[in-house]
N, C-alpha and C. Protein backbone atom coordinates (compact mmCIF):
# COMPACT_ATOMS: atom_id res chain seq x y z
N UNK A 1 0.83 -1.18 0.00
CA UNK A 1 0.00 0.00 0.00
C UNK A 1 0.88 1.25 0.00
N UNK A 2 0.56 2.19 -0.85
CA UNK A 2 1.29 3.44 -0.95
C UNK A 2 0.81 4.41 0.13
N UNK A 3 1.70 4.86 1.01
CA UNK A 3 1.26 5.83 2.01
C UNK A 3 0.90 7.15 1.31
N UNK A 4 0.02 7.90 1.93
CA UNK A 4 -0.34 9.20 1.36
C UNK A 4 0.83 10.17 1.42
N UNK A 5 1.67 10.06 2.44
CA UNK A 5 2.84 10.93 2.59
C UNK A 5 3.85 10.26 3.50
N UNK A 6 5.11 10.64 3.31
CA UNK A 6 6.19 10.20 4.18
C UNK A 6 6.78 11.46 4.81
N UNK A 7 6.66 11.54 6.14
CA UNK A 7 7.23 12.64 6.91
C UNK A 7 8.63 12.22 7.36
N UNK A 8 9.61 13.09 7.11
CA UNK A 8 10.99 12.74 7.40
C UNK A 8 11.65 13.83 8.24
N UNK A 9 12.24 13.42 9.34
CA UNK A 9 13.01 14.31 10.20
C UNK A 9 14.32 14.68 9.48
N UNK A 10 14.95 15.75 9.86
CA UNK A 10 16.19 16.21 9.22
C UNK A 10 17.43 15.75 10.00
N UNK A 11 17.72 16.42 11.12
CA UNK A 11 18.97 16.23 11.85
C UNK A 11 19.05 14.83 12.47
N UNK A 12 20.06 14.07 12.05
CA UNK A 12 20.26 12.73 12.58
C UNK A 12 19.54 11.65 11.81
N UNK A 13 18.59 12.03 10.97
CA UNK A 13 17.82 11.05 10.19
C UNK A 13 18.35 10.95 8.76
N UNK A 14 18.47 12.11 8.10
CA UNK A 14 18.97 12.10 6.72
C UNK A 14 20.41 12.58 6.62
N UNK A 15 20.93 13.11 7.70
CA UNK A 15 22.31 13.60 7.68
C UNK A 15 22.66 14.29 8.99
N UNK A 16 23.83 14.89 9.00
CA UNK A 16 24.28 15.59 10.19
C UNK A 16 24.56 14.64 11.32
N UNK A 17 24.15 15.03 12.51
CA UNK A 17 24.33 14.20 13.71
C UNK A 17 23.18 14.51 14.65
N UNK A 18 23.37 14.36 15.93
CA UNK A 18 22.26 14.61 16.85
C UNK A 18 22.22 16.05 17.35
N UNK A 19 22.91 16.95 16.65
CA UNK A 19 22.85 18.37 16.95
C UNK A 19 22.34 19.11 15.72
N UNK A 20 21.97 20.36 15.90
CA UNK A 20 21.48 21.17 14.79
C UNK A 20 22.67 21.68 13.99
N UNK A 21 22.59 21.47 12.69
CA UNK A 21 23.61 21.98 11.77
C UNK A 21 22.91 22.92 10.80
N UNK A 22 23.46 24.10 10.62
CA UNK A 22 22.82 25.11 9.78
C UNK A 22 22.78 24.70 8.31
N UNK A 23 21.77 25.18 7.59
CA UNK A 23 21.73 24.95 6.14
C UNK A 23 23.02 25.45 5.49
N UNK A 24 23.47 24.73 4.50
CA UNK A 24 24.72 25.06 3.84
C UNK A 24 25.90 24.30 4.43
N UNK A 25 25.79 23.91 5.70
CA UNK A 25 26.83 23.12 6.37
C UNK A 25 26.39 21.67 6.53
N UNK A 26 25.12 21.41 6.30
CA UNK A 26 24.50 20.10 6.52
C UNK A 26 24.90 19.14 5.41
N UNK A 27 25.35 17.94 5.79
CA UNK A 27 25.74 16.91 4.83
C UNK A 27 24.81 15.71 4.95
N UNK A 28 24.28 15.27 3.81
CA UNK A 28 23.44 14.08 3.80
C UNK A 28 24.27 12.83 4.05
N UNK A 29 23.67 11.83 4.69
CA UNK A 29 24.31 10.53 4.83
C UNK A 29 24.40 9.86 3.46
N UNK A 30 25.29 8.88 3.31
CA UNK A 30 25.38 8.14 2.05
C UNK A 30 24.02 7.53 1.67
N UNK A 31 23.71 7.59 0.41
CA UNK A 31 22.52 6.98 -0.21
C UNK A 31 21.20 7.67 0.12
N UNK A 32 21.22 8.76 0.88
CA UNK A 32 19.98 9.45 1.21
C UNK A 32 19.38 10.09 -0.04
N UNK A 33 20.19 10.79 -0.81
CA UNK A 33 19.67 11.45 -2.02
C UNK A 33 19.01 10.43 -2.94
N UNK A 34 19.66 9.30 -3.16
CA UNK A 34 19.11 8.25 -4.01
C UNK A 34 17.82 7.68 -3.41
N UNK A 35 17.79 7.53 -2.11
CA UNK A 35 16.60 7.00 -1.43
C UNK A 35 15.42 7.96 -1.55
N UNK A 36 15.69 9.26 -1.42
CA UNK A 36 14.63 10.25 -1.60
C UNK A 36 14.08 10.21 -3.02
N UNK A 37 14.96 10.06 -4.00
CA UNK A 37 14.54 9.97 -5.40
C UNK A 37 13.66 8.73 -5.59
N UNK A 38 14.08 7.60 -5.02
CA UNK A 38 13.28 6.37 -5.13
C UNK A 38 11.89 6.55 -4.52
N UNK A 39 11.82 7.19 -3.36
CA UNK A 39 10.53 7.44 -2.73
C UNK A 39 9.63 8.27 -3.63
N UNK A 40 10.19 9.34 -4.20
CA UNK A 40 9.41 10.21 -5.08
C UNK A 40 8.98 9.48 -6.33
N UNK A 41 9.89 8.71 -6.94
CA UNK A 41 9.56 7.98 -8.16
C UNK A 41 8.51 6.91 -7.93
N UNK A 42 8.37 6.48 -6.68
CA UNK A 42 7.34 5.49 -6.33
C UNK A 42 6.00 6.16 -6.06
N UNK A 43 5.95 7.46 -6.19
CA UNK A 43 4.70 8.19 -6.03
C UNK A 43 4.43 8.73 -4.65
N UNK A 44 5.43 8.72 -3.79
CA UNK A 44 5.26 9.20 -2.42
C UNK A 44 5.40 10.72 -2.33
N UNK A 45 4.55 11.34 -1.53
CA UNK A 45 4.67 12.74 -1.17
C UNK A 45 5.69 12.81 -0.04
N UNK A 46 6.76 13.59 -0.22
CA UNK A 46 7.86 13.67 0.74
C UNK A 46 7.77 15.00 1.49
N UNK A 47 7.57 14.92 2.81
CA UNK A 47 7.38 16.11 3.63
C UNK A 47 8.41 16.15 4.75
N UNK A 48 8.97 17.34 5.00
CA UNK A 48 9.89 17.48 6.13
C UNK A 48 9.07 17.55 7.41
N UNK A 49 9.72 17.21 8.51
CA UNK A 49 9.06 17.13 9.82
C UNK A 49 10.18 17.35 10.83
N UNK A 50 10.49 18.64 11.12
CA UNK A 50 11.71 18.93 11.87
C UNK A 50 11.55 20.10 12.82
N UNK A 51 12.15 19.98 14.00
CA UNK A 51 12.25 21.08 14.96
C UNK A 51 13.53 21.85 14.64
N UNK A 52 13.41 23.17 14.49
CA UNK A 52 14.58 24.01 14.23
C UNK A 52 14.51 25.27 15.08
N UNK A 53 14.79 25.16 16.39
CA UNK A 53 14.65 26.29 17.30
C UNK A 53 15.62 27.44 17.05
N UNK A 54 16.65 27.21 16.28
CA UNK A 54 17.60 28.30 15.99
C UNK A 54 16.94 29.41 15.20
N UNK A 55 15.81 29.11 14.55
CA UNK A 55 15.09 30.15 13.80
C UNK A 55 14.55 31.19 14.76
N UNK A 56 13.89 30.75 15.84
CA UNK A 56 13.33 31.72 16.80
C UNK A 56 14.42 32.45 17.59
N UNK A 57 15.61 31.88 17.60
CA UNK A 57 16.74 32.55 18.24
C UNK A 57 17.36 33.60 17.32
N UNK A 58 16.89 33.63 16.06
CA UNK A 58 17.41 34.59 15.09
C UNK A 58 18.74 34.20 14.49
N UNK A 59 19.14 32.94 14.63
CA UNK A 59 20.44 32.50 14.14
C UNK A 59 20.43 32.14 12.65
N UNK A 60 19.26 31.81 12.11
CA UNK A 60 19.14 31.47 10.69
C UNK A 60 17.68 31.66 10.27
N UNK A 61 17.47 32.02 9.02
CA UNK A 61 16.12 32.26 8.50
C UNK A 61 15.45 30.95 8.09
N UNK A 62 14.15 30.88 8.32
CA UNK A 62 13.36 29.71 7.94
C UNK A 62 13.52 29.41 6.45
N UNK A 63 13.61 30.44 5.64
CA UNK A 63 13.73 30.28 4.19
C UNK A 63 14.97 29.48 3.79
N UNK A 64 16.02 29.55 4.58
CA UNK A 64 17.22 28.77 4.28
C UNK A 64 16.97 27.27 4.47
N UNK A 65 16.21 26.92 5.52
CA UNK A 65 15.82 25.52 5.71
C UNK A 65 14.90 25.07 4.57
N UNK A 66 13.92 25.91 4.24
CA UNK A 66 12.99 25.57 3.16
C UNK A 66 13.75 25.28 1.87
N UNK A 67 14.66 26.17 1.50
CA UNK A 67 15.41 26.01 0.26
C UNK A 67 16.27 24.75 0.27
N UNK A 68 16.96 24.52 1.39
CA UNK A 68 17.82 23.34 1.49
C UNK A 68 17.01 22.05 1.37
N UNK A 69 15.93 21.95 2.12
CA UNK A 69 15.14 20.72 2.11
C UNK A 69 14.49 20.48 0.75
N UNK A 70 14.04 21.53 0.10
CA UNK A 70 13.47 21.36 -1.24
C UNK A 70 14.55 20.95 -2.24
N UNK A 71 15.76 21.48 -2.06
CA UNK A 71 16.90 21.07 -2.90
C UNK A 71 17.19 19.58 -2.73
N UNK A 72 17.01 19.07 -1.52
CA UNK A 72 17.23 17.64 -1.25
C UNK A 72 16.15 16.77 -1.89
N UNK A 73 14.99 17.36 -2.23
CA UNK A 73 13.92 16.60 -2.87
C UNK A 73 12.61 16.58 -2.12
N UNK A 74 12.50 17.32 -1.03
CA UNK A 74 11.24 17.37 -0.28
C UNK A 74 10.21 18.16 -1.07
N UNK A 75 8.97 17.67 -1.05
CA UNK A 75 7.88 18.37 -1.74
C UNK A 75 7.43 19.59 -0.96
N UNK A 76 7.31 19.45 0.35
CA UNK A 76 6.89 20.56 1.21
C UNK A 76 7.67 20.48 2.51
N UNK A 77 7.82 21.65 3.14
CA UNK A 77 8.60 21.76 4.37
C UNK A 77 7.69 22.13 5.54
N UNK A 78 7.71 21.29 6.54
CA UNK A 78 7.01 21.57 7.80
C UNK A 78 8.08 21.56 8.88
N UNK A 79 8.21 22.72 9.54
CA UNK A 79 9.20 22.80 10.61
C UNK A 79 8.67 23.66 11.73
N UNK A 80 9.13 23.34 12.92
CA UNK A 80 8.80 24.13 14.10
C UNK A 80 10.00 25.03 14.38
N UNK A 81 9.80 26.36 14.36
CA UNK A 81 10.90 27.28 14.61
C UNK A 81 11.08 27.64 16.08
N UNK A 82 10.24 27.07 16.95
CA UNK A 82 10.20 27.48 18.35
C UNK A 82 11.19 26.73 19.24
N UNK A 83 11.52 27.37 20.35
CA UNK A 83 12.34 26.74 21.37
C UNK A 83 11.43 25.95 22.32
N UNK A 84 12.02 25.01 23.02
CA UNK A 84 11.24 24.13 23.90
C UNK A 84 10.40 24.91 24.91
N UNK A 85 10.95 25.94 25.50
CA UNK A 85 10.25 26.68 26.55
C UNK A 85 9.07 27.50 26.03
N UNK A 86 8.94 27.65 24.72
CA UNK A 86 7.83 28.43 24.16
C UNK A 86 6.51 27.65 24.18
N UNK A 87 6.59 26.35 24.40
CA UNK A 87 5.40 25.49 24.55
C UNK A 87 4.39 25.66 23.42
N UNK A 88 4.85 25.65 22.21
CA UNK A 88 3.99 25.76 21.04
C UNK A 88 3.30 24.41 20.78
N UNK A 89 2.41 24.38 19.82
CA UNK A 89 1.71 23.14 19.46
C UNK A 89 2.37 22.42 18.30
N UNK A 90 3.43 23.01 17.73
CA UNK A 90 4.05 22.37 16.57
C UNK A 90 5.33 21.61 16.91
N UNK A 91 5.98 21.94 18.00
CA UNK A 91 7.24 21.29 18.35
C UNK A 91 7.02 19.83 18.74
N UNK A 92 7.77 18.94 18.09
CA UNK A 92 7.68 17.52 18.43
C UNK A 92 8.10 17.32 19.89
N UNK A 93 7.38 16.52 20.65
CA UNK A 93 6.48 15.46 20.24
C UNK A 93 5.03 15.87 19.99
N UNK A 94 4.71 17.16 20.03
CA UNK A 94 3.35 17.58 19.67
C UNK A 94 3.11 17.27 18.19
N UNK A 95 1.85 17.19 17.82
CA UNK A 95 1.53 16.76 16.45
C UNK A 95 1.10 17.91 15.54
N UNK A 96 1.37 19.14 15.95
CA UNK A 96 0.95 20.31 15.18
C UNK A 96 1.41 20.31 13.73
N UNK A 97 2.67 19.95 13.48
CA UNK A 97 3.16 19.92 12.09
C UNK A 97 2.42 18.87 11.28
N UNK A 98 2.17 17.72 11.89
CA UNK A 98 1.45 16.65 11.19
C UNK A 98 0.02 17.08 10.88
N UNK A 99 -0.64 17.72 11.84
CA UNK A 99 -2.00 18.19 11.62
C UNK A 99 -2.06 19.25 10.53
N UNK A 100 -1.10 20.17 10.54
CA UNK A 100 -1.07 21.21 9.51
C UNK A 100 -0.86 20.60 8.13
N UNK A 101 0.05 19.65 8.03
CA UNK A 101 0.30 18.98 6.74
C UNK A 101 -0.92 18.21 6.28
N UNK A 102 -1.61 17.56 7.22
CA UNK A 102 -2.83 16.82 6.86
C UNK A 102 -3.87 17.77 6.30
N UNK A 103 -4.02 18.92 6.93
CA UNK A 103 -4.99 19.92 6.45
C UNK A 103 -4.57 20.47 5.09
N UNK A 104 -3.30 20.82 4.94
CA UNK A 104 -2.81 21.41 3.69
C UNK A 104 -2.89 20.46 2.51
N UNK A 105 -2.71 19.16 2.78
CA UNK A 105 -2.58 18.18 1.69
C UNK A 105 -3.70 17.15 1.66
N UNK A 106 -4.76 17.38 2.47
CA UNK A 106 -5.90 16.46 2.52
C UNK A 106 -5.45 15.03 2.80
N UNK A 107 -4.69 14.86 3.89
CA UNK A 107 -4.13 13.56 4.25
C UNK A 107 -4.90 12.91 5.39
N UNK A 108 -4.97 11.60 5.36
CA UNK A 108 -5.40 10.81 6.51
C UNK A 108 -4.11 10.34 7.17
N UNK A 109 -3.81 10.86 8.34
CA UNK A 109 -2.53 10.57 8.98
C UNK A 109 -2.34 9.09 9.28
N UNK A 110 -3.41 8.33 9.37
CA UNK A 110 -3.30 6.88 9.58
C UNK A 110 -2.74 6.19 8.34
N UNK A 111 -2.68 6.91 7.24
CA UNK A 111 -2.14 6.38 5.99
C UNK A 111 -0.82 7.06 5.64
N UNK A 112 -0.13 7.58 6.66
CA UNK A 112 1.15 8.27 6.47
C UNK A 112 2.23 7.59 7.30
N UNK A 113 3.47 7.88 6.97
CA UNK A 113 4.64 7.29 7.62
C UNK A 113 5.52 8.41 8.17
N UNK A 114 6.11 8.18 9.34
CA UNK A 114 7.10 9.09 9.90
C UNK A 114 8.42 8.32 10.03
N UNK A 115 9.49 8.92 9.53
CA UNK A 115 10.84 8.37 9.70
C UNK A 115 11.65 9.38 10.50
N UNK A 116 12.20 8.92 11.63
CA UNK A 116 12.98 9.83 12.47
C UNK A 116 13.95 9.08 13.36
N UNK A 117 14.84 9.84 14.00
CA UNK A 117 15.87 9.24 14.86
C UNK A 117 15.65 9.49 16.34
N UNK A 118 14.65 10.26 16.69
CA UNK A 118 14.40 10.57 18.10
C UNK A 118 13.07 9.99 18.55
N UNK A 119 12.95 9.75 19.84
CA UNK A 119 11.70 9.21 20.36
C UNK A 119 10.59 10.24 20.23
N UNK A 120 10.94 11.54 20.22
CA UNK A 120 9.91 12.57 20.01
C UNK A 120 9.24 12.38 18.65
N UNK A 121 10.00 11.95 17.64
CA UNK A 121 9.42 11.65 16.33
C UNK A 121 8.42 10.51 16.44
N UNK A 122 8.81 9.48 17.19
CA UNK A 122 7.97 8.29 17.33
C UNK A 122 6.69 8.60 18.13
N UNK A 123 6.83 9.42 19.18
CA UNK A 123 5.67 9.78 19.99
C UNK A 123 4.68 10.60 19.16
N UNK A 124 5.17 11.58 18.41
CA UNK A 124 4.29 12.39 17.56
C UNK A 124 3.59 11.49 16.53
N UNK A 125 4.34 10.60 15.90
CA UNK A 125 3.75 9.69 14.91
C UNK A 125 2.69 8.81 15.57
N UNK A 126 3.00 8.29 16.74
CA UNK A 126 2.06 7.45 17.49
C UNK A 126 0.77 8.22 17.79
N UNK A 127 0.91 9.42 18.31
CA UNK A 127 -0.25 10.22 18.69
C UNK A 127 -1.11 10.61 17.48
N UNK A 128 -0.49 10.72 16.32
CA UNK A 128 -1.22 11.07 15.09
C UNK A 128 -1.73 9.83 14.36
N UNK A 129 -1.30 8.64 14.79
CA UNK A 129 -1.75 7.41 14.14
C UNK A 129 -0.94 7.00 12.93
N UNK A 130 0.24 7.58 12.76
CA UNK A 130 1.10 7.27 11.61
C UNK A 130 1.90 5.99 11.84
N UNK A 131 2.39 5.42 10.76
CA UNK A 131 3.36 4.32 10.82
C UNK A 131 4.69 4.93 11.25
N UNK A 132 5.39 4.24 12.15
CA UNK A 132 6.61 4.78 12.75
C UNK A 132 7.83 3.96 12.35
N UNK A 133 8.84 4.66 11.82
CA UNK A 133 10.12 4.02 11.51
C UNK A 133 11.22 4.79 12.24
N UNK A 134 11.91 4.09 13.13
CA UNK A 134 13.04 4.67 13.85
C UNK A 134 14.32 4.29 13.13
N UNK A 135 15.17 5.29 12.83
CA UNK A 135 16.49 5.00 12.28
C UNK A 135 17.52 5.14 13.40
N UNK A 136 18.55 4.30 13.35
CA UNK A 136 19.55 4.27 14.43
C UNK A 136 20.75 5.18 14.15
N UNK A 137 20.56 6.17 13.27
CA UNK A 137 21.58 7.18 13.05
C UNK A 137 21.28 8.37 13.96
N UNK A 138 22.16 9.35 14.03
CA UNK A 138 21.93 10.51 14.88
C UNK A 138 21.72 10.09 16.32
N UNK A 139 20.58 10.48 16.88
CA UNK A 139 20.23 10.10 18.25
C UNK A 139 19.50 8.76 18.31
N UNK A 140 19.33 8.12 17.16
CA UNK A 140 18.54 6.90 17.06
C UNK A 140 19.08 5.71 17.82
N UNK A 141 20.38 5.55 17.86
CA UNK A 141 20.96 4.40 18.59
C UNK A 141 20.63 4.52 20.08
N UNK A 142 20.75 5.73 20.61
CA UNK A 142 20.42 5.95 22.02
C UNK A 142 18.92 5.71 22.25
N UNK A 143 18.07 6.23 21.37
CA UNK A 143 16.63 6.02 21.50
C UNK A 143 16.28 4.54 21.42
N UNK A 144 16.96 3.82 20.52
CA UNK A 144 16.71 2.39 20.36
C UNK A 144 17.07 1.64 21.65
N UNK A 145 18.21 1.97 22.27
CA UNK A 145 18.61 1.31 23.52
C UNK A 145 17.64 1.63 24.65
N UNK A 146 17.17 2.86 24.71
CA UNK A 146 16.18 3.21 25.74
C UNK A 146 14.90 2.39 25.52
N UNK A 147 14.49 2.27 24.27
CA UNK A 147 13.31 1.48 23.93
C UNK A 147 13.51 0.02 24.32
N UNK A 148 14.65 -0.54 23.93
CA UNK A 148 14.97 -1.94 24.24
C UNK A 148 14.98 -2.20 25.75
N UNK A 149 15.51 -1.24 26.49
CA UNK A 149 15.65 -1.39 27.95
C UNK A 149 14.43 -0.90 28.72
N UNK A 150 13.36 -0.62 28.00
CA UNK A 150 12.10 -0.15 28.59
C UNK A 150 12.33 1.04 29.52
N UNK A 151 13.11 1.99 29.05
CA UNK A 151 13.46 3.17 29.84
C UNK A 151 12.45 4.31 29.70
N UNK A 152 11.47 4.17 28.81
CA UNK A 152 10.47 5.21 28.64
C UNK A 152 9.31 4.96 29.59
N UNK A 153 8.66 6.05 30.02
CA UNK A 153 7.58 5.96 30.99
C UNK A 153 6.33 6.66 30.46
N UNK A 154 5.20 6.34 31.07
CA UNK A 154 3.94 6.98 30.71
C UNK A 154 3.58 6.72 29.26
N UNK A 155 3.06 7.76 28.62
CA UNK A 155 2.64 7.67 27.24
C UNK A 155 3.79 7.22 26.33
N UNK A 156 5.01 7.66 26.65
CA UNK A 156 6.16 7.34 25.80
C UNK A 156 6.44 5.83 25.78
N UNK A 157 6.10 5.14 26.86
CA UNK A 157 6.34 3.70 26.93
C UNK A 157 5.35 2.91 26.07
N UNK A 158 4.25 3.54 25.68
CA UNK A 158 3.25 2.89 24.84
C UNK A 158 3.64 2.85 23.38
N UNK A 159 4.67 3.58 23.01
CA UNK A 159 5.06 3.72 21.61
C UNK A 159 5.96 2.56 21.20
N UNK A 160 5.65 2.01 20.03
CA UNK A 160 6.45 0.92 19.48
C UNK A 160 6.56 1.11 17.97
N UNK A 161 7.77 1.32 17.45
CA UNK A 161 7.92 1.51 16.01
C UNK A 161 7.52 0.26 15.23
N UNK A 162 6.98 0.46 14.05
CA UNK A 162 6.67 -0.66 13.16
C UNK A 162 7.95 -1.26 12.58
N UNK A 163 8.99 -0.41 12.44
CA UNK A 163 10.26 -0.90 11.91
C UNK A 163 11.39 -0.09 12.51
N UNK A 164 12.50 -0.76 12.80
CA UNK A 164 13.72 -0.10 13.28
C UNK A 164 14.79 -0.37 12.24
N UNK A 165 15.31 0.71 11.68
CA UNK A 165 16.29 0.61 10.59
C UNK A 165 17.65 1.08 11.06
N UNK A 166 18.68 0.49 10.49
CA UNK A 166 20.04 0.96 10.80
C UNK A 166 20.28 2.36 10.26
N UNK A 167 19.66 2.69 9.13
CA UNK A 167 19.85 4.00 8.52
C UNK A 167 18.67 4.32 7.61
N UNK A 168 18.69 5.49 7.01
CA UNK A 168 17.60 5.95 6.17
C UNK A 168 17.40 5.04 4.96
N UNK A 169 18.49 4.58 4.38
CA UNK A 169 18.40 3.68 3.22
C UNK A 169 17.60 2.42 3.57
N UNK A 170 17.90 1.82 4.71
CA UNK A 170 17.19 0.61 5.12
C UNK A 170 15.71 0.91 5.41
N UNK A 171 15.43 2.08 5.97
CA UNK A 171 14.05 2.48 6.22
C UNK A 171 13.27 2.58 4.91
N UNK A 172 13.88 3.22 3.92
CA UNK A 172 13.22 3.38 2.62
C UNK A 172 13.06 2.03 1.93
N UNK A 173 14.08 1.19 1.98
CA UNK A 173 13.97 -0.15 1.38
C UNK A 173 12.80 -0.92 2.00
N UNK A 174 12.68 -0.87 3.33
CA UNK A 174 11.58 -1.56 4.01
C UNK A 174 10.23 -1.00 3.55
N UNK A 175 10.14 0.32 3.52
CA UNK A 175 8.89 0.96 3.14
C UNK A 175 8.51 0.61 1.70
N UNK A 176 9.48 0.67 0.80
CA UNK A 176 9.19 0.35 -0.61
C UNK A 176 8.83 -1.12 -0.79
N UNK A 177 9.42 -1.99 0.03
CA UNK A 177 9.07 -3.42 -0.07
C UNK A 177 7.62 -3.65 0.35
N UNK A 178 7.09 -2.82 1.24
CA UNK A 178 5.71 -2.92 1.68
C UNK A 178 4.74 -2.39 0.62
N UNK A 179 5.24 -1.56 -0.27
CA UNK A 179 4.40 -0.96 -1.31
C UNK A 179 4.22 -1.89 -2.50
N UNK A 180 5.11 -2.84 -2.67
CA UNK A 180 5.01 -3.68 -3.88
C UNK A 180 4.21 -4.94 -3.64
């Protein structure tokens, strides 16, 4: 089954590491560009799903993230520019970005996929009813070990990814194998 959209985190999922790297300095992991092309050629809508608090700090303009992500092959960019203490509704693990994308693109979130490296990605996907894929790049290895060791509590402990991938390439391969 073809998902209506694939939401993809930026930092630690498609490149960089577990810290924020500014546009222009950000490097994709090996095979990410090819994997994004394969997703698009398979008819998937590719949407960004990323927290970028440096925007609200005035360190970089939102337009730079938009341009970079679209250059990588994303169809649309959804990002939260807020810092954690601002308590907005869009910052992951809140589902504001997913809800906005669903409204903008007429999506049923139960027919969408989230790929990310942090448990906040998985919690947001869970709360929105999306399929969850955790990658073990960036902060993903740490999140995977916490998951394995049952270190999450409350609502976070209820979350279980449908697939755990070593990297973005493996996540895309798994997803495409489910589509055929």
